N, C-alpha and C. Protein backbone atom coordinates (compact mmCIF):
# COMPACT_ATOMS: atom_id res chain seq x y z
N UNK A 1 -10.52 36.20 -13.27
CA UNK A 1 -11.50 35.54 -13.66
C UNK A 1 -11.90 36.36 -15.04
N UNK A 2 -12.66 35.92 -15.76
CA UNK A 2 -13.31 36.86 -16.80
C UNK A 2 -14.61 37.32 -16.03
N UNK A 3 -14.99 38.42 -16.89
CA UNK A 3 -15.86 39.44 -16.44
C UNK A 3 -17.23 38.12 -16.53
N UNK A 4 -18.41 38.76 -15.87
CA UNK A 4 -20.14 38.09 -15.79
C UNK A 4 -20.25 38.69 -17.61
N UNK A 5 -20.02 38.05 -18.39
CA UNK A 5 -21.29 38.50 -19.39
C UNK A 5 -22.31 38.81 -19.47
N UNK A 6 -23.32 38.82 -18.69
CA UNK A 6 -24.06 39.18 -19.26
C UNK A 6 -24.24 41.05 -18.60
N UNK A 7 -23.02 41.88 -18.12
CA UNK A 7 -22.79 42.77 -18.27
C UNK A 7 -22.53 43.53 -19.27
N UNK A 8 -22.05 42.37 -20.62
CA UNK A 8 -21.83 43.18 -21.73
C UNK A 8 -23.03 44.19 -22.46
N UNK A 9 -24.24 43.53 -22.51
CA UNK A 9 -25.35 44.92 -23.34
C UNK A 9 -25.61 45.60 -22.19
N UNK A 10 -25.35 45.92 -20.56
CA UNK A 10 -25.47 46.89 -19.79
C UNK A 10 -24.80 48.11 -20.65
N UNK A 11 -23.04 47.97 -20.51
CA UNK A 11 -21.94 48.49 -20.67
C UNK A 11 -22.51 48.70 -22.12
N UNK A 12 -22.82 48.14 -23.45
CA UNK A 12 -23.16 49.04 -24.50
C UNK A 12 -24.47 50.03 -24.60
N UNK A 13 -25.50 50.19 -22.97
CA UNK A 13 -25.80 50.82 -23.19
C UNK A 13 -25.23 52.34 -22.82
N UNK A 14 -24.15 52.53 -21.70
CA UNK A 14 -23.04 53.69 -21.92
C UNK A 14 -21.93 53.48 -22.42
N UNK A 15 -21.56 53.43 -23.43
CA UNK A 15 -20.71 53.42 -24.31
C UNK A 15 -21.37 54.60 -25.18
N UNK A 16 -22.75 54.75 -25.64
CA UNK A 16 -21.86 55.83 -26.72
C UNK A 16 -22.17 57.83 -25.51
N UNK A 17 -21.98 57.46 -24.33
CA UNK A 17 -21.60 58.84 -23.75
C UNK A 17 -20.02 58.48 -23.21
N UNK A 18 -19.27 57.32 -23.05
CA UNK A 18 -18.11 57.20 -22.31
C UNK A 18 -16.96 57.84 -23.35
N UNK A 19 -16.09 58.06 -23.40
CA UNK A 19 -14.80 58.90 -23.34
C UNK A 19 -14.32 57.31 -24.59
N UNK A 20 -13.41 58.01 -25.84
CA UNK A 20 -13.08 56.72 -26.98
C UNK A 20 -12.12 56.17 -26.31
N UNK A 21 -11.11 56.01 -25.63
CA UNK A 21 -10.91 54.98 -24.90
C UNK A 21 -11.93 54.15 -23.96
N UNK A 22 -12.45 54.57 -23.01
CA UNK A 22 -13.06 53.64 -22.74
C UNK A 22 -14.13 52.96 -22.74
N UNK A 23 -14.24 53.38 -24.47
CA UNK A 23 -15.84 52.55 -24.77
C UNK A 23 -14.24 51.14 -25.59
N UNK A 24 -12.91 51.39 -26.62
CA UNK A 24 -12.65 50.89 -26.85
C UNK A 24 -12.15 49.92 -25.52
N UNK A 25 -12.12 50.09 -24.52
CA UNK A 25 -11.36 48.97 -23.13
C UNK A 25 -12.56 48.06 -22.97
N UNK A 26 -13.89 48.68 -23.03
CA UNK A 26 -14.85 47.97 -22.88
C UNK A 26 -15.04 46.59 -23.77
N UNK A 27 -15.37 47.24 -24.94
CA UNK A 27 -15.54 46.48 -25.87
C UNK A 27 -14.15 45.46 -26.32
N UNK A 28 -13.49 45.68 -26.11
CA UNK A 28 -12.67 44.60 -25.63
C UNK A 28 -12.63 43.45 -24.89
N UNK A 29 -13.04 43.96 -23.64
CA UNK A 29 -13.24 43.13 -22.74
C UNK A 29 -14.27 42.75 -22.76
N UNK A 30 -15.64 43.26 -23.14
CA UNK A 30 -16.57 42.44 -23.66
C UNK A 30 -16.66 41.24 -24.77
N UNK A 31 -15.49 41.36 -25.92
CA UNK A 31 -15.42 40.64 -26.64
C UNK A 31 -14.37 39.05 -26.10
N UNK A 32 -13.25 39.55 -24.81
CA UNK A 32 -12.41 38.66 -24.75
C UNK A 32 -13.57 37.29 -24.35
N UNK A 33 -14.68 37.98 -23.03
CA UNK A 33 -15.75 37.42 -22.87
C UNK A 33 -16.57 36.67 -23.56
N UNK A 34 -16.78 36.70 -24.60
CA UNK A 34 -18.06 36.64 -25.12
C UNK A 34 -18.92 34.75 -25.45
N UNK A 35 -17.44 33.84 -25.63
CA UNK A 35 -17.75 32.56 -24.68
C UNK A 35 -19.27 32.58 -23.96
N UNK A 36 -18.79 33.60 -22.80
CA UNK A 36 -19.17 32.65 -21.53
C UNK A 36 -20.36 33.62 -21.60
N UNK A 37 -20.54 34.89 -22.53
CA UNK A 37 -22.11 34.95 -22.80
C UNK A 37 -22.96 34.49 -23.33
N UNK A 38 -21.94 33.81 -24.61
CA UNK A 38 -22.93 32.83 -25.43
C UNK A 38 -23.72 31.60 -24.69
N UNK A 39 -22.58 31.43 -23.13
CA UNK A 39 -22.70 30.38 -22.43
C UNK A 39 -24.44 30.71 -22.22
N UNK A 40 -24.13 31.54 -21.72
CA UNK A 40 -25.27 32.40 -20.46
C UNK A 40 -26.61 32.53 -21.55
N UNK A 41 -26.37 32.75 -22.76
CA UNK A 41 -27.90 32.94 -23.16
C UNK A 41 -28.52 31.73 -23.86
N UNK A 42 -27.55 30.50 -23.82
CA UNK A 42 -27.64 29.07 -23.99
C UNK A 42 -28.62 27.96 -23.34
N UNK A 43 -28.78 28.82 -22.09
CA UNK A 43 -28.87 28.16 -21.39
C UNK A 43 -30.77 28.54 -21.30
N UNK A 44 -31.82 27.35 -21.28
CA UNK A 44 -33.18 27.59 -21.32
C UNK A 44 -33.19 28.16 -20.29
N UNK A 45 -34.52 29.31 -20.26
CA UNK A 45 -35.14 29.61 -18.94
C UNK A 45 -36.76 29.67 -19.39
N UNK A 46 -37.40 29.07 -20.02
CA UNK A 46 -38.76 29.08 -19.62
C UNK A 46 -39.33 28.90 -18.07
N UNK A 47 -40.21 29.92 -17.94
CA UNK A 47 -40.51 29.87 -16.36
C UNK A 47 -41.44 28.96 -16.35
N UNK A 48 -41.68 28.51 -16.72
CA UNK A 48 -42.76 27.13 -16.95
C UNK A 48 -42.07 26.23 -16.63
N UNK A 49 -40.77 25.82 -17.02
CA UNK A 49 -40.06 24.91 -16.81
C UNK A 49 -39.39 24.84 -15.67
N UNK A 50 -39.80 24.22 -14.48
CA UNK A 50 -39.18 24.16 -13.45
C UNK A 50 -37.02 23.51 -13.59
N UNK A 51 -37.29 22.67 -14.15
CA UNK A 51 -35.52 22.38 -14.34
C UNK A 51 -35.15 23.71 -15.16
N UNK A 52 -35.61 23.53 -16.16
CA UNK A 52 -34.80 25.28 -17.41
C UNK A 52 -34.26 26.07 -15.52
N UNK A 53 -34.77 26.60 -15.41
CA UNK A 53 -34.72 27.74 -14.06
C UNK A 53 -33.94 26.82 -13.11
N UNK A 54 -34.22 25.78 -12.42
CA UNK A 54 -33.35 25.31 -11.76
C UNK A 54 -31.79 25.68 -12.38
N UNK A 55 -31.25 24.89 -13.17
CA UNK A 55 -30.58 24.39 -13.81
C UNK A 55 -29.40 26.17 -14.11
N UNK A 56 -30.31 26.76 -14.17
CA UNK A 56 -29.63 28.70 -14.65
C UNK A 56 -29.55 29.23 -13.42
N UNK A 57 -30.21 29.32 -12.50
CA UNK A 57 -29.34 29.64 -11.14
C UNK A 57 -28.66 29.00 -10.69
N UNK A 58 -28.31 27.82 -11.04
CA UNK A 58 -27.27 26.98 -10.28
C UNK A 58 -26.14 27.69 -11.35
N UNK A 59 -25.92 27.81 -12.53
CA UNK A 59 -25.33 28.44 -13.21
C UNK A 59 -24.98 29.39 -12.76
N UNK A 60 -25.96 30.81 -12.61
CA UNK A 60 -25.49 31.79 -12.22
C UNK A 60 -24.60 31.97 -10.91
N UNK A 61 -25.11 31.43 -9.99
CA UNK A 61 -24.32 31.70 -8.44
C UNK A 61 -23.01 30.88 -8.79
N UNK A 62 -23.34 29.98 -9.63
CA UNK A 62 -21.40 29.35 -9.84
C UNK A 62 -20.90 30.94 -10.34
N UNK A 63 -21.45 31.38 -11.01
CA UNK A 63 -20.64 32.20 -11.75
C UNK A 63 -19.92 33.39 -10.37
N UNK A 64 -21.35 34.27 -10.35
CA UNK A 64 -20.96 35.16 -9.22
C UNK A 64 -19.65 34.53 -8.61
N UNK A 65 -20.24 33.39 -7.53
CA UNK A 65 -19.03 32.86 -6.59
C UNK A 65 -17.87 32.98 -7.43
N UNK A 66 -17.82 32.62 -8.38
CA UNK A 66 -16.10 32.53 -8.95
C UNK A 66 -16.09 34.41 -9.17
N UNK A 67 -16.70 35.63 -9.08
CA UNK A 67 -16.20 36.24 -8.53
C UNK A 67 -16.14 37.08 -7.88
N UNK A 68 -16.11 36.19 -6.57
CA UNK A 68 -15.69 37.02 -5.38
C UNK A 68 -17.11 37.05 -4.56
N UNK A 69 -18.50 36.90 -5.23
CA UNK A 69 -19.70 37.73 -4.66
C UNK A 69 -20.26 36.74 -3.41
N UNK A 70 -20.76 37.22 -2.82
CA UNK A 70 -21.74 36.84 -1.64
C UNK A 70 -22.94 36.63 -1.82
N UNK A 71 -23.46 34.79 -1.70
CA UNK A 71 -24.23 34.94 -2.52
C UNK A 71 -25.78 33.99 -1.49
N UNK A 72 -26.65 34.75 -1.55
CA UNK A 72 -27.57 34.36 -0.56
C UNK A 72 -29.36 34.25 -1.66
N UNK A 73 -29.82 32.82 -1.45
CA UNK A 73 -30.96 32.58 -1.75
C UNK A 73 -32.53 32.83 -0.99
N UNK A 74 -32.59 33.51 -1.76
CA UNK A 74 -34.39 33.95 -0.71
C UNK A 74 -34.82 32.54 -1.21
N UNK A 75 -35.83 32.28 -0.34
CA UNK A 75 -37.00 30.95 -0.47
C UNK A 75 -38.39 31.51 -1.02
N UNK A 76 -38.92 31.33 -1.49
CA UNK A 76 -40.18 32.44 -2.29
C UNK A 76 -41.62 31.33 -2.69
N UNK A 77 -42.71 30.92 -2.79
CA UNK A 77 -43.09 30.38 -3.50
C UNK A 77 -43.28 29.45 -5.05
N UNK A 78 -42.54 30.08 -5.33
CA UNK A 78 -42.04 29.80 -6.87
C UNK A 78 -40.70 29.48 -7.20
N UNK A 79 -39.95 29.90 -7.50
CA UNK A 79 -38.47 30.25 -7.58
C UNK A 79 -37.47 30.79 -6.86
N UNK A 80 -36.49 30.17 -6.55
CA UNK A 80 -35.73 31.54 -4.77
C UNK A 80 -35.10 32.66 -6.08
N UNK A 81 -34.75 33.98 -5.43
CA UNK A 81 -34.83 35.22 -5.72
C UNK A 81 -33.46 35.04 -5.18
N UNK A 82 -32.16 35.68 -6.16
CA UNK A 82 -30.73 35.74 -5.60
C UNK A 82 -30.00 36.72 -5.56
N UNK A 83 -29.31 37.59 -4.44
CA UNK A 83 -28.66 37.82 -4.10
C UNK A 83 -26.98 38.33 -4.53
N UNK A 84 -26.95 38.81 -5.33
CA UNK A 84 -25.29 38.59 -5.20
C UNK A 84 -24.90 39.88 -4.50
N UNK A 85 -23.77 40.06 -3.74
CA UNK A 85 -23.31 41.31 -3.36
C UNK A 85 -21.83 41.12 -3.56
N UNK A 86 -20.93 42.03 -3.89
CA UNK A 86 -19.68 41.99 -3.75
C UNK A 86 -18.93 43.41 -2.62
N UNK A 87 -18.76 43.84 -1.94
CA UNK A 87 -18.50 44.71 -1.23
C UNK A 87 -17.10 44.93 -1.62
N UNK A 88 -16.32 45.96 -2.56
CA UNK A 88 -15.29 46.35 -2.77
C UNK A 88 -14.50 47.38 -1.24
N UNK A 89 -15.07 47.80 -0.88
CA UNK A 89 -14.34 48.99 0.13
C UNK A 89 -15.66 49.78 0.89
N UNK A 90 -15.86 50.34 1.79
CA UNK A 90 -17.04 50.89 2.00
C UNK A 90 -16.90 52.29 1.76
N UNK A 91 -16.07 53.48 1.21
CA UNK A 91 -16.28 54.40 0.76
C UNK A 91 -16.90 54.34 -1.19
N UNK A 92 -16.75 53.39 -1.62
CA UNK A 92 -17.39 53.48 -2.80
C UNK A 92 -18.71 53.15 -3.04
N UNK A 93 -19.37 54.01 -4.31
CA UNK A 93 -20.91 54.33 -4.20
C UNK A 93 -20.85 52.74 -4.92
N UNK A 94 -21.95 52.75 -4.82
CA UNK A 94 -23.62 51.34 -4.83
C UNK A 94 -23.71 50.70 -6.48
N UNK A 95 -23.47 49.78 -6.96
CA UNK A 95 -23.94 49.93 -8.32
C UNK A 95 -24.95 48.46 -8.12
N UNK A 96 -26.16 49.02 -8.28
CA UNK A 96 -27.07 47.77 -8.53
C UNK A 96 -27.30 47.12 -9.89
N UNK A 97 -27.46 45.96 -10.48
CA UNK A 97 -27.88 45.74 -11.80
C UNK A 97 -28.77 44.74 -10.87
N UNK A 98 -29.97 45.07 -11.54
CA UNK A 98 -31.17 43.75 -11.64
C UNK A 98 -31.48 42.91 -12.66
N UNK A 99 -31.36 41.86 -12.48
CA UNK A 99 -31.85 41.37 -13.83
C UNK A 99 -33.14 40.42 -13.38
N UNK A 100 -33.68 39.43 -14.67
CA UNK A 100 -34.51 37.95 -14.65
C UNK A 100 -33.93 37.20 -14.91
N UNK A 101 -34.10 36.08 -14.19
CA UNK A 101 -33.01 35.03 -15.01
C UNK A 101 -34.50 33.79 -16.03
N UNK A 102 -36.11 34.22 -15.48
CA UNK A 102 -36.60 33.67 -16.38
C UNK A 102 -37.83 33.81 -17.09
N UNK A 103 -37.47 33.51 -18.35
CA UNK A 103 -38.14 34.25 -19.69
C UNK A 103 -39.96 33.81 -19.65
N UNK A 104 -40.16 34.17 -20.40
CA UNK A 104 -41.57 33.79 -20.92
C UNK A 104 -41.25 32.50 -21.66
N UNK A 105 -42.64 31.91 -21.59
CA UNK A 105 -42.67 30.78 -22.64
C UNK A 105 -42.57 30.53 -24.04
N UNK A 106 -41.90 29.77 -24.60
CA UNK A 106 -41.13 30.04 -25.95
C UNK A 106 -42.25 29.05 -26.61
N UNK A 107 -42.71 29.90 -27.80
CA UNK A 107 -42.90 29.20 -28.90
C UNK A 107 -42.57 29.33 -30.25
N UNK A 108 -42.03 28.00 -30.27
CA UNK A 108 -40.60 27.58 -31.49
C UNK A 108 -41.58 28.20 -33.31
N UNK A 109 -42.30 28.22 -32.81
CA UNK A 109 -43.20 28.13 -33.95
C UNK A 109 -43.43 30.04 -34.65
N UNK A 110 -42.96 30.75 -33.92
CA UNK A 110 -42.42 31.75 -33.95
C UNK A 110 -40.89 32.71 -34.08
N UNK A 111 -40.37 31.43 -34.26
CA UNK A 111 -38.95 31.93 -33.81
C UNK A 111 -38.09 31.64 -35.91
N UNK A 112 -37.09 32.63 -36.00
CA UNK A 112 -36.30 32.09 -37.06
C UNK A 112 -35.24 31.60 -37.45
N UNK A 113 -35.33 30.66 -36.25
CA UNK A 113 -34.22 30.17 -36.26
C UNK A 113 -34.62 28.34 -35.69
N UNK A 114 -33.55 27.33 -35.80
CA UNK A 114 -34.11 26.18 -35.47
C UNK A 114 -34.03 25.82 -34.00
N UNK A 115 -33.23 26.59 -33.02
CA UNK A 115 -33.32 26.89 -31.29
C UNK A 115 -33.37 27.97 -30.82
N UNK A 116 -34.96 28.24 -30.57
CA UNK A 116 -34.63 29.68 -29.44
C UNK A 116 -32.97 29.88 -28.43
N UNK A 117 -32.84 28.80 -27.93
CA UNK A 117 -31.58 28.45 -27.19
C UNK A 117 -30.42 28.61 -27.62
N UNK A 118 -30.12 28.43 -29.16
CA UNK A 118 -29.23 28.62 -29.78
C UNK A 118 -28.83 30.51 -29.76
N UNK A 119 -27.86 31.16 -29.35
CA UNK A 119 -27.80 32.33 -29.68
C UNK A 119 -27.04 32.43 -30.75
N UNK A 120 -27.90 33.42 -31.80
CA UNK A 120 -27.42 34.13 -32.80
C UNK A 120 -27.46 35.04 -33.32
N UNK A 121 -26.45 36.34 -34.06
CA UNK A 121 -26.36 37.44 -33.63
C UNK A 121 -26.59 38.00 -35.16
N UNK A 122 -27.59 38.43 -35.48
CA UNK A 122 -27.66 38.63 -36.61
C UNK A 122 -27.70 40.40 -36.86
N UNK A 123 -27.84 40.64 -38.12
CA UNK A 123 -27.88 42.09 -39.04
C UNK A 123 -28.52 41.73 -40.34
N UNK A 124 -29.42 43.00 -40.00
CA UNK A 124 -29.97 43.55 -40.94
C UNK A 124 -29.92 43.55 -42.66
N UNK A 125 -30.00 43.12 -43.00
CA UNK A 125 -29.74 43.11 -44.35
C UNK A 125 -31.23 43.31 -45.45
N UNK A 126 -31.15 44.72 -46.32
CA UNK A 126 -32.81 44.99 -46.87
C UNK A 126 -33.62 44.03 -46.51
N UNK A 127 -33.94 44.29 -45.16
CA UNK A 127 -35.50 43.74 -44.72
C UNK A 127 -35.26 42.34 -44.29
N UNK A 128 -34.44 41.94 -44.35
CA UNK A 128 -34.40 40.89 -43.50
C UNK A 128 -32.70 40.31 -42.57
N UNK A 129 -32.79 39.70 -41.51
CA UNK A 129 -31.92 39.55 -40.68
C UNK A 129 -31.08 37.59 -41.36
N UNK A 130 -29.63 38.34 -41.40
CA UNK A 130 -28.95 37.14 -41.78
C UNK A 130 -27.62 37.04 -40.21
N UNK A 131 -27.49 35.35 -40.12
CA UNK A 131 -26.64 35.04 -38.70
C UNK A 131 -25.01 35.25 -38.96
N UNK A 132 -24.36 36.31 -37.95
CA UNK A 132 -22.98 35.97 -38.69
C UNK A 132 -22.36 35.37 -37.40
N UNK A 133 -21.04 34.81 -37.85
CA UNK A 133 -20.56 34.14 -36.75
C UNK A 133 -20.06 35.03 -35.46
N UNK A 134 -20.52 34.88 -34.31
CA UNK A 134 -19.65 35.64 -33.04
C UNK A 134 -18.64 35.81 -33.31
N UNK A 135 -17.52 35.44 -33.99
CA UNK A 135 -16.36 35.55 -33.70
C UNK A 135 -16.28 36.90 -34.40
N UNK A 136 -16.58 37.50 -35.45
CA UNK A 136 -16.67 38.69 -36.49
C UNK A 136 -17.58 39.80 -35.58
N UNK A 137 -17.78 39.40 -34.75
CA UNK A 137 -18.39 40.33 -33.92
C UNK A 137 -17.48 41.74 -33.18
N UNK A 138 -16.10 41.26 -33.48
CA UNK A 138 -14.80 42.27 -33.46
C UNK A 138 -15.34 44.08 -34.17
N UNK A 139 -15.68 43.40 -35.91
CA UNK A 139 -15.60 44.26 -36.74
C UNK A 139 -16.53 45.05 -36.44
N UNK A 140 -17.79 44.94 -35.82
CA UNK A 140 -18.48 45.96 -35.04
C UNK A 140 -18.40 46.86 -34.36
N UNK A 141 -19.09 48.55 -35.08
CA UNK A 141 -18.45 49.76 -33.96
C UNK A 141 -20.39 49.40 -33.31
N UNK A 142 -20.13 49.46 -32.15
CA UNK A 142 -21.44 50.00 -30.84
C UNK A 142 -21.60 51.19 -31.29
């Protein structure tokens, strides 16, 4: 099963401190999973729109379950909290990843693209940004 793509950028943070072979392996795996990462970014996550968050929670729960995580949803006054746990073995160290699924309300007029939930990879070009095809990301060095 593909790796959960939201880890993509988390892994990019550790790349500068990793050996070259590890960097290449992480980047190669991230690129293999780019379509799932784009799918994740495409899900609206406006915290003021309950249906957005409900769909995002459902999607995330299914992804973690497909990776053999145990999922618990804890009721709150607003949206449930999701706990995803995967025990590998008792002697392994714990890795904790914390993320928010809900986002800030969107003001579409302040976005320089048609849809804030259509992920666009942009590069700086003389004080402006231009979008590039996600498939061409392989040529970029992080």
